[in-house]
Amino acid sequence: MVRVSTVAIRRAKQKQQVIEKLRAVAPAGETFEACVHCETGPSPWLAAALDEIPLVGLIIALTRRFYFFTLTSQHVVLNSANRFTNRPGEVLGSWPRDAFPISGVKRGKVWSVAYVQFANSNKPTRLNIHRYWRNEFDQLAAGTTASTPTQ
């Protein structure tokens, strides 16, 4: 039987897929509190404006990385996300809740921004979070030692 990968469009389905993936590797008793989808790269507003220049928009789109951050009872877990199907990929990292390296949290009307220090990077990586994920983003920011998001 051939299994066809479906594209998860609804937030609840995306969160369900992430939790299913994490449940297989999570310690016993770990509960999942919030799940946030985000993308790296320059401001999505800038990317939209530069999309009018031939090839520039394509280059920006291909350099973006997509992730899911999941807040659990004890950790913040990072999963990759597939560019086309939005399905969660492998676990890329995990931090204790009180040591999650998030900074520069700025809440925008449509796109919020936060910076996370990845282990393999010299400087924090910019993350863009759409307002579709705002409630979960607020839970993630409140559940860690991050500063309160600014308007």
Protein backbone atom coordinates (compact mmCIF):
# COMPACT_ATOMS: atom_id res chain seq x y z
CA MET A 1 0.00 0.00 0.00
CA VAL A 2 1.37 3.42 -0.96
CA ARG A 3 1.05 6.12 1.66
CA VAL A 4 0.46 9.58 0.28
CA SER A 5 1.69 12.53 2.34
CA THR A 6 -1.06 15.07 2.77
CA VAL A 7 -0.57 18.78 3.20
CA ALA A 8 -1.61 19.95 6.66
CA ILE A 9 -3.33 23.29 6.27
CA ARG A 10 -5.23 23.68 9.52
CA ARG A 11 -3.31 24.62 12.64
CA ALA A 12 -4.86 21.78 14.67
CA LYS A 13 -3.71 19.17 12.15
CA GLN A 14 -0.19 20.61 12.03
CA LYS A 15 0.02 20.57 15.84
CA GLN A 16 -1.30 17.00 15.90
CA GLN A 17 1.41 15.88 13.47
CA VAL A 18 4.15 17.57 15.52
CA ILE A 19 2.91 16.04 18.77
CA GLU A 20 2.70 12.57 17.17
CA LYS A 21 6.29 12.95 16.02
CA LEU A 22 7.50 14.14 19.43
CA ARG A 23 5.52 11.61 21.45
CA ALA A 24 7.75 8.86 20.05
CA VAL A 25 10.89 10.43 21.53
CA ALA A 26 9.57 12.40 24.52
CA PRO A 27 10.24 11.22 28.07
CA ALA A 28 7.32 9.65 29.91
CA GLY A 29 5.03 12.21 31.50
CA GLU A 30 5.98 15.05 29.13
CA THR A 31 2.93 17.15 28.21
CA PHE A 32 2.65 19.39 25.17
CA GLU A 33 1.46 22.93 25.83
CA ALA A 34 2.00 24.99 22.68
CA CYS A 35 3.27 24.51 19.15
CA VAL A 36 4.41 27.38 16.90
CA HIS A 37 5.24 27.36 13.19
CA CYS A 38 7.82 29.89 12.05
CA GLU A 39 10.14 30.70 9.19
CA THR A 40 13.60 32.20 8.99
CA GLY A 41 14.84 34.95 6.75
CA PRO A 42 14.16 38.61 6.17
CA SER A 43 10.82 40.21 6.88
CA PRO A 44 8.03 38.60 4.86
CA TRP A 45 6.97 42.14 3.92
CA LEU A 46 10.37 42.79 2.36
CA ALA A 47 10.29 39.42 0.63
CA ALA A 48 6.90 40.26 -0.88
CA ALA A 49 8.22 43.59 -2.18
CA LEU A 50 11.35 42.01 -3.64
CA ASP A 51 9.28 39.27 -5.27
CA GLU A 52 8.65 41.68 -8.14
CA ILE A 53 12.32 41.56 -9.15
CA PRO A 54 12.99 38.49 -11.32
CA LEU A 55 14.73 35.67 -9.41
CA VAL A 56 15.16 37.68 -6.18
CA GLY A 57 11.86 36.45 -4.73
CA LEU A 58 12.73 32.88 -5.68
CA ILE A 59 16.15 33.14 -4.05
CA ILE A 60 14.61 34.47 -0.83
CA ALA A 61 11.98 31.71 -0.85
CA LEU A 62 14.56 28.99 -1.34
CA THR A 63 16.79 30.28 1.47
CA ARG A 64 13.99 30.27 4.04
CA ARG A 65 13.87 27.48 6.60
CA PHE A 66 10.66 26.38 8.29
CA TYR A 67 10.41 25.12 11.87
CA PHE A 68 8.03 24.08 14.61
CA PHE A 69 8.82 25.06 18.20
CA THR A 70 6.93 23.04 20.79
CA LEU A 71 6.64 24.05 24.42
CA THR A 72 6.39 21.02 26.68
CA SER A 73 6.12 20.72 30.44
CA GLN A 74 9.93 20.66 30.73
CA HIS A 75 11.47 21.67 27.39
CA VAL A 76 11.24 23.69 24.21
CA VAL A 77 11.74 21.36 21.24
CA LEU A 78 12.71 22.38 17.70
CA ASN A 79 11.51 20.37 14.68
CA SER A 80 12.16 21.08 11.04
CA ALA A 81 9.09 21.56 8.84
CA ASN A 82 8.77 20.48 5.24
CA ARG A 83 8.76 23.45 2.86
CA PHE A 84 5.91 22.08 0.72
CA THR A 85 3.74 19.83 2.91
CA ASN A 86 4.41 21.55 6.26
CA ARG A 87 4.81 18.15 7.90
CA PRO A 88 7.17 18.08 10.88
CA GLY A 89 10.60 16.63 10.27
CA GLU A 90 13.35 15.51 12.57
CA VAL A 91 14.00 16.95 16.00
CA LEU A 92 16.83 19.46 15.60
CA GLY A 93 17.25 20.61 19.17
CA SER A 94 15.85 20.85 22.64
CA TRP A 95 16.34 23.29 25.51
CA PRO A 96 15.15 23.33 29.11
CA ARG A 97 12.30 25.83 29.42
CA ASP A 98 14.29 28.13 31.66
CA ALA A 99 17.32 28.12 29.31
CA PHE A 100 15.58 28.68 25.96
CA PRO A 101 17.80 31.21 24.10
CA ILE A 102 15.09 33.53 22.77
CA SER A 103 15.52 37.29 22.53
CA GLY A 104 14.26 40.34 20.67
CA VAL A 105 10.64 39.25 20.86
CA LYS A 106 8.52 41.80 19.00
CA ARG A 107 4.85 41.28 18.40
CA GLY A 108 3.54 42.74 15.15
CA LYS A 109 0.04 43.08 13.76
CA VAL A 110 0.61 40.37 11.14
CA TRP A 111 4.18 39.08 11.54
CA SER A 112 5.87 38.81 14.92
CA VAL A 113 9.64 38.46 15.23
CA ALA A 114 11.89 36.65 17.68
CA TYR A 115 15.54 35.68 17.64
CA VAL A 116 16.74 32.25 18.76
CA GLN A 117 20.35 31.25 19.24
CA PHE A 118 20.88 27.90 17.52
CA ALA A 119 23.81 25.77 18.65
CA ASN A 120 25.47 25.78 15.21
CA SER A 121 25.20 29.54 14.63
CA ASN A 122 27.37 32.47 15.70
CA LYS A 123 24.47 34.89 15.99
CA PRO A 124 20.77 34.53 16.79
CA THR A 125 18.51 33.48 13.92
CA ARG A 126 15.55 35.69 13.04
CA LEU A 127 12.21 33.90 13.19
CA ASN A 128 9.02 35.26 11.63
CA ILE A 129 5.77 34.08 13.22
CA HIS A 130 2.45 34.77 11.49
CA ARG A 131 -0.48 36.02 13.56
CA TYR A 132 -2.25 32.74 12.78
CA TRP A 133 0.09 31.31 15.44
CA ARG A 134 -0.09 34.29 17.84
CA ASN A 135 -1.83 32.55 20.77
CA GLU A 136 0.68 29.70 20.73
CA PHE A 137 3.56 32.16 20.31
CA ASP A 138 2.36 34.09 23.35
CA GLN A 139 2.21 30.82 25.32
CA LEU A 140 5.74 29.93 24.21
CA ALA A 141 7.10 33.36 25.18
CA ALA A 142 5.28 33.31 28.53
CA GLY A 143 6.34 29.73 29.28
CA THR A 144 10.05 30.48 28.94
CA THR A 145 12.31 33.09 30.48
CA ALA A 146 11.77 35.27 27.40
CA SER A 147 10.81 38.87 27.85
CA THR A 148 7.21 39.83 27.38
CA PRO A 149 6.39 40.43 23.71
CA THR A 150 6.20 44.10 22.77
CA GLN A 151 3.53 45.53 20.51
